[in-house]
Amino acid sequence: MTKRWLVACPLLVALPFGAQAQSSVTLYGIVDAAVALEDTGEPGRGSRKVLNSGNQSSSRLGFRGSEDLGAGLKAVFNLESGVSLDTGAADSAFFGRRAVVGLEGGFGALMLGREYAPIAAVAGAADIMGQGFFGTNLGAFASNRLTRRLSNSVTYVTPRFNGLRASIAASPSEGASGATRVLGSAVEFNAGRLYAGGGYHDVERLNGLKDKEYALGFGYGIGDVDVKGNYLVADPSGAGNKFEQFNIGASIGLGKGRLFGNVQSNRLEGGAKGTALAATYSYELSRRTNVYASYARLSNNASGRFGLNSSSTSVTPAASAPGADPSVMALGVRHRF
């Protein structure tokens, strides 16, 4: 179970006036592993059996907390580390998933640190696969296409007004070698189970060229059915290599489980194309534990080399095998605490 600590400063307890400030810290995480049969579709290579971490949700360990500063103002923080459950190793930087501190109040929220980019919020909210399971839209964020997280960032999110909320983020290069400057914004609308959102990034690379990134997404639910779709674009300046991805998917409740399906289209300006079909059934064993079965297949044209992505893993043909058609089957279990 999630652990919580409430701490009241002893000095404030002794004061005869004012409300006592309280702070809370929550330890949380996800452990997700699956046995998978992967096939990149490359001639002569065949399939392989693997144990993967993070097929539905990236395995992680995190801390989040807040302190009530009074007058509706709170100090907040979140530190989140990815974990490879198959090896026990940490994923990339120790708190590479999220590492922020900031203030929240009636004005909205101001966050500093390593944060999700505005486009990532739109792409996540409009993905029927929940940016998990094979066939998710996370492939659009691979290979340095769209920007998902921002280091050295300052992010402001407005309060929600009649269902509308906006965010803006800046991530300066700080003059460091290998760094990139990103300016991004997004507008999202929620009304019950209706969702619509759009985002834009202006990315300046080391060579001085500017890339443009776009995201549009929608979602709607009625009864046991949800439908979501998104359109993602990475347009590198001067590269002639514009990338576009379109996803449309639906899910329906079946007993204590849920069936997910998604169709994905990938295209590069140079002519490469790939279409993916994905299906997953997830069965709830409890409020925090589920098991799932997934299948996905992607068909590339003669010059395509697109792959299948889940929350933490991918099945992608080698650069020497354009036209190969990857596929994957996975059986897994996920627990949240």
C-alpha atoms as a PDB file:
ATOM      1  CA  MET A   1       0.000   0.000   0.000  1.00  0.00           C
ATOM      2  CA  THR A   2       1.104   3.557  -0.647  1.00  0.00           C
ATOM      3  CA  LYS A   3       2.947   4.970   2.352  1.00  0.00           C
ATOM      4  CA  ARG A   4       2.217   8.463   3.628  1.00  0.00           C
ATOM      5  CA  TRP A   5       3.831  10.544   6.290  1.00  0.00           C
ATOM      6  CA  LEU A   6       2.264  13.719   7.744  1.00  0.00           C
ATOM      7  CA  VAL A   7       4.755  15.934   9.514  1.00  0.00           C
ATOM      8  CA  ALA A   8       3.872  19.017  11.561  1.00  0.00           C
ATOM      9  CA  CYS A   9       6.733  21.277  12.558  1.00  0.00           C
ATOM     10  CA  PRO A  10       7.125  21.127  16.383  1.00  0.00           C
ATOM     11  CA  LEU A  11       7.826  24.849  16.568  1.00  0.00           C
ATOM     12  CA  LEU A  12       4.518  25.653  14.918  1.00  0.00           C
ATOM     13  CA  VAL A  13       2.687  23.411  17.369  1.00  0.00           C
ATOM     14  CA  ALA A  14       3.878  25.675  20.170  1.00  0.00           C
ATOM     15  CA  LEU A  15       2.670  28.870  18.530  1.00  0.00           C
ATOM     16  CA  PRO A  16      -0.666  30.216  19.800  1.00  0.00           C
ATOM     17  CA  PHE A  17      -1.780  31.608  16.435  1.00  0.00           C
ATOM     18  CA  GLY A  18      -2.327  30.607  12.808  1.00  0.00           C
ATOM     19  CA  ALA A  19      -3.079  27.312  11.120  1.00  0.00           C
ATOM     20  CA  GLN A  20      -0.424  24.640  11.363  1.00  0.00           C
ATOM     21  CA  ALA A  21       1.396  23.978   8.106  1.00  0.00           C
ATOM     22  CA  GLN A  22       1.437  20.331   7.118  1.00  0.00           C
ATOM     23  CA  SER A  23       3.609  18.436   4.704  1.00  0.00           C
ATOM     24  CA  SER A  24       3.160  14.995   3.203  1.00  0.00           C
ATOM     25  CA  VAL A  25       5.443  12.622   1.324  1.00  0.00           C
ATOM     26  CA  THR A  26       4.180   9.652  -0.689  1.00  0.00           C
ATOM     27  CA  LEU A  27       6.233   6.652  -1.784  1.00  0.00           C
ATOM     28  CA  TYR A  28       4.713   4.986  -4.857  1.00  0.00           C
ATOM     29  CA  GLY A  29       5.651   2.757  -7.751  1.00  0.00           C
ATOM     30  CA  ILE A  30       4.763   0.327 -10.513  1.00  0.00           C
ATOM     31  CA  VAL A  31       6.249  -3.102 -11.203  1.00  0.00           C
ATOM     32  CA  ASP A  32       5.411  -4.502 -14.633  1.00  0.00           C
ATOM     33  CA  ALA A  33       6.944  -7.523 -16.367  1.00  0.00           C
ATOM     34  CA  ALA A  34       5.987  -9.742 -19.298  1.00  0.00           C
ATOM     35  CA  VAL A  35       7.154 -12.801 -21.178  1.00  0.00           C
ATOM     36  CA  ALA A  36       7.260 -11.891 -24.863  1.00  0.00           C
ATOM     37  CA  LEU A  37       7.856 -13.494 -28.233  1.00  0.00           C
ATOM     38  CA  GLU A  38       9.476 -10.855 -30.455  1.00  0.00           C
ATOM     39  CA  ASP A  39      10.177 -10.974 -34.182  1.00  0.00           C
ATOM     40  CA  THR A  40      11.810  -8.045 -35.991  1.00  0.00           C
ATOM     41  CA  GLY A  41      10.833  -9.594 -39.308  1.00  0.00           C
ATOM     42  CA  GLU A  42      14.428  -9.538 -40.556  1.00  0.00           C
ATOM     43  CA  PRO A  43      15.241 -12.360 -43.011  1.00  0.00           C
ATOM     44  CA  GLY A  44      16.979 -15.283 -41.335  1.00  0.00           C
ATOM     45  CA  ARG A  45      16.762 -13.873 -37.825  1.00  0.00           C
ATOM     46  CA  GLY A  46      13.580 -15.482 -36.505  1.00  0.00           C
ATOM     47  CA  SER A  47      11.763 -14.775 -33.252  1.00  0.00           C
ATOM     48  CA  ARG A  48      13.177 -14.707 -29.733  1.00  0.00           C
ATOM     49  CA  LYS A  49      11.717 -15.259 -26.270  1.00  0.00           C
ATOM     50  CA  VAL A  50      12.428 -12.485 -23.765  1.00  0.00           C
ATOM     51  CA  LEU A  51      11.423 -11.211 -20.346  1.00  0.00           C
ATOM     52  CA  ASN A  52      10.598  -7.523 -20.634  1.00  0.00           C
ATOM     53  CA  SER A  53      10.075  -4.836 -18.018  1.00  0.00           C
ATOM     54  CA  GLY A  54       7.434  -2.179 -18.488  1.00  0.00           C
ATOM     55  CA  ASN A  55       5.215  -3.370 -21.330  1.00  0.00           C
ATOM     56  CA  GLN A  56       2.035  -1.718 -20.045  1.00  0.00           C
ATOM     57  CA  SER A  57       3.615   0.829 -17.710  1.00  0.00           C
ATOM     58  CA  SER A  58       7.283   1.597 -17.196  1.00  0.00           C
ATOM     59  CA  SER A  59       8.415   0.053 -13.908  1.00  0.00           C
ATOM     60  CA  ARG A  60       9.254   2.887 -11.535  1.00  0.00           C
ATOM     61  CA  LEU A  61       9.812   4.094  -7.999  1.00  0.00           C
ATOM     62  CA  GLY A  62       8.897   7.614  -6.997  1.00  0.00           C
ATOM     63  CA  PHE A  63       8.432  10.148  -4.233  1.00  0.00           C
ATOM     64  CA  ARG A  64       5.984  13.015  -4.334  1.00  0.00           C
ATOM     65  CA  GLY A  65       5.120  15.474  -1.643  1.00  0.00           C
ATOM     66  CA  SER A  66       3.617  18.806  -0.745  1.00  0.00           C
ATOM     67  CA  GLU A  67       3.632  21.388   2.016  1.00  0.00           C
ATOM     68  CA  ASP A  68       0.696  23.637   2.794  1.00  0.00           C
ATOM     69  CA  LEU A  69       2.058  27.198   2.901  1.00  0.00           C
ATOM     70  CA  GLY A  70      -1.286  28.790   3.691  1.00  0.00           C
ATOM     71  CA  ALA A  71      -3.545  31.090   1.692  1.00  0.00           C
ATOM     72  CA  GLY A  72      -4.129  28.310  -0.849  1.00  0.00           C
ATOM     73  CA  LEU A  73      -0.431  28.017  -1.730  1.00  0.00           C
ATOM     74  CA  LYS A  74       1.482  24.714  -1.704  1.00  0.00           C
ATOM     75  CA  ALA A  75       5.077  23.721  -2.302  1.00  0.00           C
ATOM     76  CA  VAL A  76       5.240  20.470  -4.295  1.00  0.00           C
ATOM     77  CA  PHE A  77       7.893  18.080  -5.575  1.00  0.00           C
ATOM     78  CA  ASN A  78       8.158  14.810  -7.501  1.00  0.00           C
ATOM     79  CA  LEU A  79      11.187  12.545  -7.971  1.00  0.00           C
ATOM     80  CA  GLU A  80      10.632   9.476 -10.164  1.00  0.00           C
ATOM     81  CA  SER A  81      13.137   6.831 -11.234  1.00  0.00           C
ATOM     82  CA  GLY A  82      12.689   4.174 -13.909  1.00  0.00           C
ATOM     83  CA  VAL A  83      13.611   0.578 -13.058  1.00  0.00           C
ATOM     84  CA  SER A  84      14.346  -2.363 -15.354  1.00  0.00           C
ATOM     85  CA  LEU A  85      12.520  -5.140 -13.554  1.00  0.00           C
ATOM     86  CA  ASP A  86      14.244  -7.891 -15.545  1.00  0.00           C
ATOM     87  CA  THR A  87      17.729  -6.856 -14.360  1.00  0.00           C
ATOM     88  CA  GLY A  88      17.088  -4.582 -11.374  1.00  0.00           C
ATOM     89  CA  ALA A  89      19.093  -1.798 -12.990  1.00  0.00           C
ATOM     90  CA  ALA A  90      18.003   1.829 -13.033  1.00  0.00           C
ATOM     91  CA  ASP A  91      16.848   3.256 -16.363  1.00  0.00           C
ATOM     92  CA  SER A  92      19.191   6.010 -17.624  1.00  0.00           C
ATOM     93  CA  ALA A  93      19.537   8.892 -15.144  1.00  0.00           C
ATOM     94  CA  PHE A  94      18.456   7.962 -11.613  1.00  0.00           C
ATOM     95  CA  PHE A  95      15.499  10.362 -11.546  1.00  0.00           C
ATOM     96  CA  GLY A  96      15.296  10.548 -15.322  1.00  0.00           C
ATOM     97  CA  ARG A  97      11.529  10.094 -15.532  1.00  0.00           C
ATOM     98  CA  ARG A  98      10.679  13.246 -13.554  1.00  0.00           C
ATOM     99  CA  ALA A  99      12.504  15.507 -11.114  1.00  0.00           C
ATOM    100  CA  VAL A 100      10.653  18.733 -10.296  1.00  0.00           C
ATOM    101  CA  VAL A 101       9.922  21.192  -7.508  1.00  0.00           C
ATOM    102  CA  GLY A 102       7.475  24.056  -7.626  1.00  0.00           C
ATOM    103  CA  LEU A 103       4.500  25.976  -6.309  1.00  0.00           C
ATOM    104  CA  GLU A 104       0.771  25.357  -6.786  1.00  0.00           C
ATOM    105  CA  GLY A 105      -2.118  27.650  -5.987  1.00  0.00           C
ATOM    106  CA  GLY A 106      -5.003  29.613  -7.395  1.00  0.00           C
ATOM    107  CA  PHE A 107      -2.666  30.945 -10.070  1.00  0.00           C
ATOM    108  CA  GLY A 108      -2.001  27.416 -11.397  1.00  0.00           C
ATOM    109  CA  ALA A 109       1.341  25.628 -11.060  1.00  0.00           C
ATOM    110  CA  LEU A 110       4.949  26.642 -11.677  1.00  0.00           C
ATOM    111  CA  MET A 111       7.415  23.738 -11.889  1.00  0.00           C
ATOM    112  CA  LEU A 112      11.219  23.690 -12.211  1.00  0.00           C
ATOM    113  CA  GLY A 113      13.404  20.740 -13.240  1.00  0.00           C
ATOM    114  CA  ARG A 114      13.060  17.732 -15.538  1.00  0.00           C
ATOM    115  CA  GLU A 115       9.441  17.732 -16.649  1.00  0.00           C
ATOM    116  CA  TYR A 116       7.165  16.261 -19.306  1.00  0.00           C
ATOM    117  CA  ALA A 117       6.936  18.460 -22.402  1.00  0.00           C
ATOM    118  CA  PRO A 118       3.566  20.064 -23.296  1.00  0.00           C
ATOM    119  CA  ILE A 119       3.115  17.807 -26.343  1.00  0.00           C
ATOM    120  CA  ALA A 120       3.590  14.729 -24.150  1.00  0.00           C
ATOM    121  CA  ALA A 121       0.467  15.596 -22.150  1.00  0.00           C
ATOM    122  CA  VAL A 122      -1.650  15.753 -25.312  1.00  0.00           C
ATOM    123  CA  ALA A 123      -0.192  12.552 -26.770  1.00  0.00           C
ATOM    124  CA  GLY A 124      -0.715  10.664 -23.511  1.00  0.00           C
ATOM    125  CA  ALA A 125      -4.296  11.799 -22.940  1.00  0.00           C
ATOM    126  CA  ALA A 126      -5.306  10.897 -26.516  1.00  0.00           C
ATOM    127  CA  ASP A 127      -3.682   7.430 -26.713  1.00  0.00           C
ATOM    128  CA  ILE A 128      -6.150   4.567 -26.202  1.00  0.00           C
ATOM    129  CA  MET A 129      -3.235   2.326 -25.191  1.00  0.00           C
ATOM    130  CA  GLY A 130      -2.333   4.754 -22.396  1.00  0.00           C
ATOM    131  CA  GLN A 131       1.199   4.992 -23.813  1.00  0.00           C
ATOM    132  CA  GLY A 132       1.613   1.382 -22.751  1.00  0.00           C
ATOM    133  CA  PHE A 133       1.268  -1.962 -24.546  1.00  0.00           C
ATOM    134  CA  PHE A 134       2.806  -2.526 -27.979  1.00  0.00           C
ATOM    135  CA  GLY A 135       1.287  -0.292 -30.639  1.00  0.00           C
ATOM    136  CA  THR A 136       1.259   2.843 -28.485  1.00  0.00           C
ATOM    137  CA  ASN A 137       2.169   6.253 -29.937  1.00  0.00           C
ATOM    138  CA  LEU A 138       5.502   6.287 -28.077  1.00  0.00           C
ATOM    139  CA  GLY A 139       7.195   5.370 -31.348  1.00  0.00           C
ATOM    140  CA  ALA A 140       6.667   9.002 -32.345  1.00  0.00           C
ATOM    141  CA  PHE A 141       8.974  10.018 -29.485  1.00  0.00           C
ATOM    142  CA  ALA A 142      11.718   7.538 -30.401  1.00  0.00           C
ATOM    143  CA  SER A 143      14.792   8.221 -32.546  1.00  0.00           C
ATOM    144  CA  ASN A 144      14.859  11.903 -31.525  1.00  0.00           C
ATOM    145  CA  ARG A 145      11.576  12.649 -33.280  1.00  0.00           C
ATOM    146  CA  LEU A 146       9.195  14.374 -30.859  1.00  0.00           C
ATOM    147  CA  THR A 147      10.352  15.703 -27.475  1.00  0.00           C
ATOM    148  CA  ARG A 148       8.780  13.921 -24.492  1.00  0.00           C
ATOM    149  CA  ARG A 149      10.724  15.277 -21.507  1.00  0.00           C
ATOM    150  CA  LEU A 150      12.569  18.538 -20.915  1.00  0.00           C
ATOM    151  CA  SER A 151      15.638  18.954 -18.723  1.00  0.00           C
ATOM    152  CA  ASN A 152      16.486  22.354 -17.181  1.00  0.00           C
ATOM    153  CA  SER A 153      12.880  23.387 -17.764  1.00  0.00           C
ATOM    154  CA  VAL A 154      10.503  25.999 -16.383  1.00  0.00           C
ATOM    155  CA  THR A 155       6.856  24.991 -16.869  1.00  0.00           C
ATOM    156  CA  TYR A 156       3.699  26.959 -16.085  1.00  0.00           C
ATOM    157  CA  VAL A 157       0.231  25.373 -16.110  1.00  0.00           C
ATOM    158  CA  THR A 158      -2.864  27.557 -15.781  1.00  0.00           C
ATOM    159  CA  PRO A 159      -5.833  26.748 -13.547  1.00  0.00           C
ATOM    160  CA  ARG A 160      -8.648  24.922 -15.313  1.00  0.00           C
ATOM    161  CA  PHE A 161     -11.358  27.328 -16.525  1.00  0.00           C
ATOM    162  CA  ASN A 162     -14.597  25.877 -17.934  1.00  0.00           C
ATOM    163  CA  GLY A 163     -12.692  22.740 -18.872  1.00  0.00           C
ATOM    164  CA  LEU A 164      -9.803  24.592 -20.532  1.00  0.00           C
ATOM    165  CA  ARG A 165      -6.203  24.474 -19.356  1.00  0.00           C
ATOM    166  CA  ALA A 166      -3.015  25.765 -20.978  1.00  0.00           C
ATOM    167  CA  SER A 167       0.663  25.062 -20.368  1.00  0.00           C
ATOM    168  CA  ILE A 168       3.882  26.676 -21.513  1.00  0.00           C
ATOM    169  CA  ALA A 169       7.439  25.422 -21.039  1.00  0.00           C
ATOM    170  CA  ALA A 170      10.950  26.651 -21.741  1.00  0.00           C
ATOM    171  CA  SER A 171      14.087  24.530 -21.667  1.00  0.00           C
ATOM    172  CA  PRO A 172      17.233  26.586 -22.362  1.00  0.00           C
ATOM    173  CA  SER A 173      20.388  24.919 -23.606  1.00  0.00           C
ATOM    174  CA  GLU A 174      22.411  26.599 -20.802  1.00  0.00           C
ATOM    175  CA  GLY A 175      25.239  26.855 -23.319  1.00  0.00           C
ATOM    176  CA  ALA A 176      26.150  23.204 -22.788  1.00  0.00           C
ATOM    177  CA  SER A 177      27.641  21.069 -25.527  1.00  0.00           C
ATOM    178  CA  GLY A 178      25.047  18.695 -26.959  1.00  0.00           C
ATOM    179  CA  ALA A 179      22.130  20.664 -25.465  1.00  0.00           C
ATOM    180  CA  THR A 180      19.015  21.858 -27.276  1.00  0.00           C
ATOM    181  CA  ARG A 181      16.662  24.767 -26.617  1.00  0.00           C
ATOM    182  CA  VAL A 182      12.937  23.979 -26.564  1.00  0.00           C
ATOM    183  CA  LEU A 183       9.925  26.272 -26.246  1.00  0.00           C
ATOM    184  CA  GLY A 184       6.571  24.520 -26.021  1.00  0.00           C
ATOM    185  CA  SER A 185       2.908  25.104 -25.305  1.00  0.00           C
ATOM    186  CA  ALA A 186      -0.349  23.168 -25.217  1.00  0.00           C
ATOM    187  CA  VAL A 187      -4.064  23.796 -24.727  1.00  0.00           C
ATOM    188  CA  GLU A 188      -6.350  21.041 -23.432  1.00  0.00           C
ATOM    189  CA  PHE A 189     -10.117  20.781 -22.892  1.00  0.00           C
ATOM    190  CA  ASN A 190     -11.891  18.289 -20.630  1.00  0.00           C
ATOM    191  CA  ALA A 191     -15.626  17.950 -20.067  1.00  0.00           C
ATOM    192  CA  GLY A 192     -16.556  14.641 -18.499  1.00  0.00           C
ATOM    193  CA  ARG A 193     -15.254  11.987 -20.887  1.00  0.00           C
ATOM    194  CA  LEU A 194     -14.765  14.417 -23.756  1.00  0.00           C
ATOM    195  CA  TYR A 195     -11.168  15.485 -24.408  1.00  0.00           C
ATOM    196  CA  ALA A 196      -9.491  17.670 -27.022  1.00  0.00           C
ATOM    197  CA  GLY A 197      -5.954  19.019 -27.044  1.00  0.00           C
ATOM    198  CA  GLY A 198      -3.236  20.521 -29.166  1.00  0.00           C
ATOM    199  CA  GLY A 199       0.443  21.284 -28.617  1.00  0.00           C
ATOM    200  CA  TYR A 200       3.436  22.847 -30.361  1.00  0.00           C
ATOM    201  CA  HIS A 201       7.212  22.779 -29.790  1.00  0.00           C
ATOM    202  CA  ASP A 202       9.847  25.042 -31.294  1.00  0.00           C
ATOM    203  CA  VAL A 203      13.181  23.208 -31.089  1.00  0.00           C
ATOM    204  CA  GLU A 204      16.547  24.817 -31.832  1.00  0.00           C
ATOM    205  CA  ARG A 205      19.320  22.293 -32.527  1.00  0.00           C
ATOM    206  CA  LEU A 206      23.058  22.750 -32.054  1.00  0.00           C
ATOM    207  CA  ASN A 207      23.531  23.491 -35.749  1.00  0.00           C
ATOM    208  CA  GLY A 208      21.158  26.456 -35.431  1.00  0.00           C
ATOM    209  CA  LEU A 209      18.349  24.804 -37.395  1.00  0.00           C
ATOM    210  CA  LYS A 210      14.868  24.933 -35.888  1.00  0.00           C
ATOM    211  CA  ASP A 211      12.520  21.961 -35.793  1.00  0.00           C
ATOM    212  CA  LYS A 212       8.764  22.129 -35.382  1.00  0.00           C
ATOM    213  CA  GLU A 213       6.735  19.546 -33.479  1.00  0.00           C
ATOM    214  CA  TYR A 214       2.931  19.305 -33.370  1.00  0.00           C
ATOM    215  CA  ALA A 215       0.342  17.204 -31.562  1.00  0.00           C
ATOM    216  CA  LEU A 216      -3.441  17.041 -31.882  1.00  0.00           C
ATOM    217  CA  GLY A 217      -5.593  14.659 -29.878  1.00  0.00           C
ATOM    218  CA  PHE A 218      -9.174  13.816 -28.991  1.00  0.00           C
ATOM    219  CA  GLY A 219     -11.091  11.358 -26.863  1.00  0.00           C
ATOM    220  CA  TYR A 220     -14.693  10.493 -26.083  1.00  0.00           C
ATOM    221  CA  GLY A 221     -16.381   7.881 -23.955  1.00  0.00           C
ATOM    222  CA  ILE A 222     -19.915   6.602 -23.636  1.00  0.00           C
ATOM    223  CA  GLY A 223     -21.004   3.630 -21.572  1.00  0.00           C
ATOM    224  CA  ASP A 224     -18.290   0.962 -21.621  1.00  0.00           C
ATOM    225  CA  VAL A 225     -16.692   2.293 -24.814  1.00  0.00           C
ATOM    226  CA  ASP A 226     -13.872   4.820 -25.216  1.00  0.00           C
ATOM    227  CA  VAL A 227     -12.510   6.162 -28.503  1.00  0.00           C
ATOM    228  CA  LYS A 228      -9.264   8.141 -28.812  1.00  0.00           C
ATOM    229  CA  GLY A 229      -7.098   9.430 -31.631  1.00  0.00           C
ATOM    230  CA  ASN A 230      -4.001  11.569 -32.145  1.00  0.00           C
ATOM    231  CA  TYR A 231      -1.911  13.105 -34.902  1.00  0.00           C
ATOM    232  CA  LEU A 232       1.795  13.707 -34.184  1.00  0.00           C
ATOM    233  CA  VAL A 233       4.319  15.529 -36.384  1.00  0.00           C
ATOM    234  CA  ALA A 234       8.077  16.110 -36.160  1.00  0.00           C
ATOM    235  CA  ASP A 235       9.275  18.467 -38.906  1.00  0.00           C
ATOM    236  CA  PRO A 236      13.082  18.948 -38.865  1.00  0.00           C
ATOM    237  CA  SER A 237      14.185  22.173 -40.528  1.00  0.00           C
ATOM    238  CA  GLY A 238      16.108  21.631 -43.741  1.00  0.00           C
ATOM    239  CA  ALA A 239      16.182  17.855 -43.358  1.00  0.00           C
ATOM    240  CA  GLY A 240      13.444  16.945 -45.843  1.00  0.00           C
ATOM    241  CA  ASN A 241      12.542  14.172 -43.417  1.00  0.00           C
ATOM    242  CA  LYS A 242       9.175  15.164 -41.940  1.00  0.00           C
ATOM    243  CA  PHE A 243       7.653  12.441 -39.739  1.00  0.00           C
ATOM    244  CA  GLU A 244       3.906  11.954 -39.273  1.00  0.00           C
ATOM    245  CA  GLN A 245       2.014   9.469 -37.130  1.00  0.00           C
ATOM    246  CA  PHE A 246      -1.748   8.971 -36.844  1.00  0.00           C
ATOM    247  CA  ASN A 247      -3.453   6.749 -34.268  1.00  0.00           C
ATOM    248  CA  ILE A 248      -7.097   5.792 -33.852  1.00  0.00           C
ATOM    249  CA  GLY A 249      -8.224   3.303 -31.241  1.00  0.00           C
ATOM    250  CA  ALA A 250     -11.048   2.103 -29.034  1.00  0.00           C
ATOM    251  CA  SER A 251     -11.527   0.130 -25.843  1.00  0.00           C
ATOM    252  CA  ILE A 252     -14.512  -1.688 -24.390  1.00  0.00           C
ATOM    253  CA  GLY A 253     -15.168  -3.167 -20.983  1.00  0.00           C
ATOM    254  CA  LEU A 254     -15.541  -6.957 -20.913  1.00  0.00           C
ATOM    255  CA  GLY A 255     -16.402  -8.292 -17.472  1.00  0.00           C
ATOM    256  CA  LYS A 256     -13.587  -7.456 -15.054  1.00  0.00           C
ATOM    257  CA  GLY A 257     -11.297  -6.684 -17.959  1.00  0.00           C
ATOM    258  CA  ARG A 258     -10.949  -4.357 -20.903  1.00  0.00           C
ATOM    259  CA  LEU A 259     -10.177  -4.950 -24.581  1.00  0.00           C
ATOM    260  CA  PHE A 260      -8.014  -2.356 -26.384  1.00  0.00           C
ATOM    261  CA  GLY A 261      -7.419  -1.984 -30.112  1.00  0.00           C
ATOM    262  CA  ASN A 262      -5.394   0.554 -32.095  1.00  0.00           C
ATOM    263  CA  VAL A 263      -4.507   1.276 -35.717  1.00  0.00           C
ATOM    264  CA  GLN A 264      -1.364   3.321 -36.352  1.00  0.00           C
ATOM    265  CA  SER A 265       0.002   4.906 -39.516  1.00  0.00           C
ATOM    266  CA  ASN A 266       3.637   6.108 -39.753  1.00  0.00           C
ATOM    267  CA  ARG A 267       5.112   8.088 -42.630  1.00  0.00           C
ATOM    268  CA  LEU A 268       8.403   9.804 -43.469  1.00  0.00           C
ATOM    269  CA  GLU A 269       8.626  12.504 -46.116  1.00  0.00           C
ATOM    270  CA  GLY A 270      11.168  10.443 -48.060  1.00  0.00           C
ATOM    271  CA  GLY A 271       8.561   7.759 -48.779  1.00  0.00           C
ATOM    272  CA  ALA A 272       8.900   5.271 -45.913  1.00  0.00           C
ATOM    273  CA  LYS A 273       5.558   4.049 -44.550  1.00  0.00           C
ATOM    274  CA  GLY A 274       4.443   1.606 -41.888  1.00  0.00           C
ATOM    275  CA  THR A 275       1.025   0.555 -40.574  1.00  0.00           C
ATOM    276  CA  ALA A 276       0.523  -1.180 -37.225  1.00  0.00           C
ATOM    277  CA  LEU A 277      -2.401  -3.142 -35.800  1.00  0.00           C
ATOM    278  CA  ALA A 278      -2.456  -3.806 -32.057  1.00  0.00           C
ATOM    279  CA  ALA A 279      -4.807  -5.515 -29.606  1.00  0.00           C
ATOM    280  CA  THR A 280      -4.579  -6.082 -25.848  1.00  0.00           C
ATOM    281  CA  TYR A 281      -6.843  -7.618 -23.228  1.00  0.00           C
ATOM    282  CA  SER A 282      -6.243  -6.550 -19.626  1.00  0.00           C
ATOM    283  CA  TYR A 283      -7.935  -8.386 -16.735  1.00  0.00           C
ATOM    284  CA  GLU A 284      -8.230  -6.800 -13.288  1.00  0.00           C
ATOM    285  CA  LEU A 285      -7.294  -9.128 -10.423  1.00  0.00           C
ATOM    286  CA  SER A 286      -7.713  -6.306  -7.911  1.00  0.00           C
ATOM    287  CA  ARG A 287      -7.786  -2.528  -7.793  1.00  0.00           C
ATOM    288  CA  ARG A 288      -3.985  -2.443  -8.096  1.00  0.00           C
ATOM    289  CA  THR A 289      -3.061  -5.648  -9.949  1.00  0.00           C
ATOM    290  CA  ASN A 290      -3.872  -6.789 -13.486  1.00  0.00           C
ATOM    291  CA  VAL A 291      -2.691  -9.331 -16.033  1.00  0.00           C
ATOM    292  CA  TYR A 292      -2.645  -8.721 -19.780  1.00  0.00           C
ATOM    293  CA  ALA A 293      -2.154 -10.357 -23.161  1.00  0.00           C
ATOM    294  CA  SER A 294      -0.967  -8.281 -26.146  1.00  0.00           C
ATOM    295  CA  TYR A 295      -0.375  -8.781 -29.838  1.00  0.00           C
ATOM    296  CA  ALA A 296       0.861  -6.249 -32.386  1.00  0.00           C
ATOM    297  CA  ARG A 297       2.165  -6.355 -35.942  1.00  0.00           C
ATOM    298  CA  LEU A 298       3.565  -3.583 -38.128  1.00  0.00           C
ATOM    299  CA  SER A 299       3.758  -3.759 -41.940  1.00  0.00           C
ATOM    300  CA  ASN A 300       6.480  -1.612 -43.541  1.00  0.00           C
ATOM    301  CA  ASN A 301       6.709  -0.694 -47.208  1.00  0.00           C
ATOM    302  CA  ALA A 302       9.935  -1.400 -49.120  1.00  0.00           C
ATOM    303  CA  SER A 303      11.779   1.547 -47.542  1.00  0.00           C
ATOM    304  CA  GLY A 304      10.073   1.555 -44.132  1.00  0.00           C
ATOM    305  CA  ARG A 305      11.884   0.566 -40.939  1.00  0.00           C
ATOM    306  CA  PHE A 306       9.339   1.509 -38.312  1.00  0.00           C
ATOM    307  CA  GLY A 307       9.045  -0.495 -35.106  1.00  0.00           C
ATOM    308  CA  LEU A 308       6.566  -1.396 -32.389  1.00  0.00           C
ATOM    309  CA  ASN A 309       6.870   0.409 -29.052  1.00  0.00           C
ATOM    310  CA  SER A 310       5.421  -0.308 -25.627  1.00  0.00           C
ATOM    311  CA  SER A 311       5.912   1.762 -22.494  1.00  0.00           C
ATOM    312  CA  SER A 312       9.579   0.760 -22.077  1.00  0.00           C
ATOM    313  CA  THR A 313      10.528  -1.639 -24.865  1.00  0.00           C
ATOM    314  CA  SER A 314      10.566  -1.743 -28.661  1.00  0.00           C
ATOM    315  CA  VAL A 315      10.804  -4.259 -31.503  1.00  0.00           C
ATOM    316  CA  THR A 316      12.459  -2.523 -34.463  1.00  0.00           C
ATOM    317  CA  PRO A 317      14.150  -3.894 -37.594  1.00  0.00           C
ATOM    318  CA  ALA A 318      17.846  -3.138 -38.053  1.00  0.00           C
ATOM    319  CA  ALA A 319      18.925  -0.324 -40.373  1.00  0.00           C
ATOM    320  CA  SER A 320      20.108  -2.984 -42.820  1.00  0.00           C
ATOM    321  CA  ALA A 321      16.609  -4.509 -43.111  1.00  0.00           C
ATOM    322  CA  PRO A 322      14.162  -1.967 -44.591  1.00  0.00           C
ATOM    323  CA  GLY A 323      10.803  -3.491 -45.429  1.00  0.00           C
ATOM    324  CA  ALA A 324      10.880  -5.989 -42.544  1.00  0.00           C
ATOM    325  CA  ASP A 325       7.596  -6.430 -40.659  1.00  0.00           C
ATOM    326  CA  PRO A 326       8.025  -6.689 -36.860  1.00  0.00           C
ATOM    327  CA  SER A 327       5.524  -8.454 -34.590  1.00  0.00           C
ATOM    328  CA  VAL A 328       5.254  -9.272 -30.890  1.00  0.00           C
ATOM    329  CA  MET A 329       3.125 -11.282 -28.454  1.00  0.00           C
ATOM    330  CA  ALA A 330       3.332 -10.643 -24.707  1.00  0.00           C
ATOM    331  CA  LEU A 331       1.805 -12.021 -21.492  1.00  0.00           C
ATOM    332  CA  GLY A 332       2.387  -9.881 -18.437  1.00  0.00           C
ATOM    333  CA  VAL A 333       1.421  -8.753 -14.962  1.00  0.00           C
ATOM    334  CA  ARG A 334       1.410  -5.248 -13.467  1.00  0.00           C
ATOM    335  CA  HIS A 335       1.144  -4.149  -9.843  1.00  0.00           C
ATOM    336  CA  ARG A 336       0.801  -0.581  -8.579  1.00  0.00           C
ATOM    337  CA  PHE A 337       1.610   0.488  -5.032  1.00  0.00           C
END
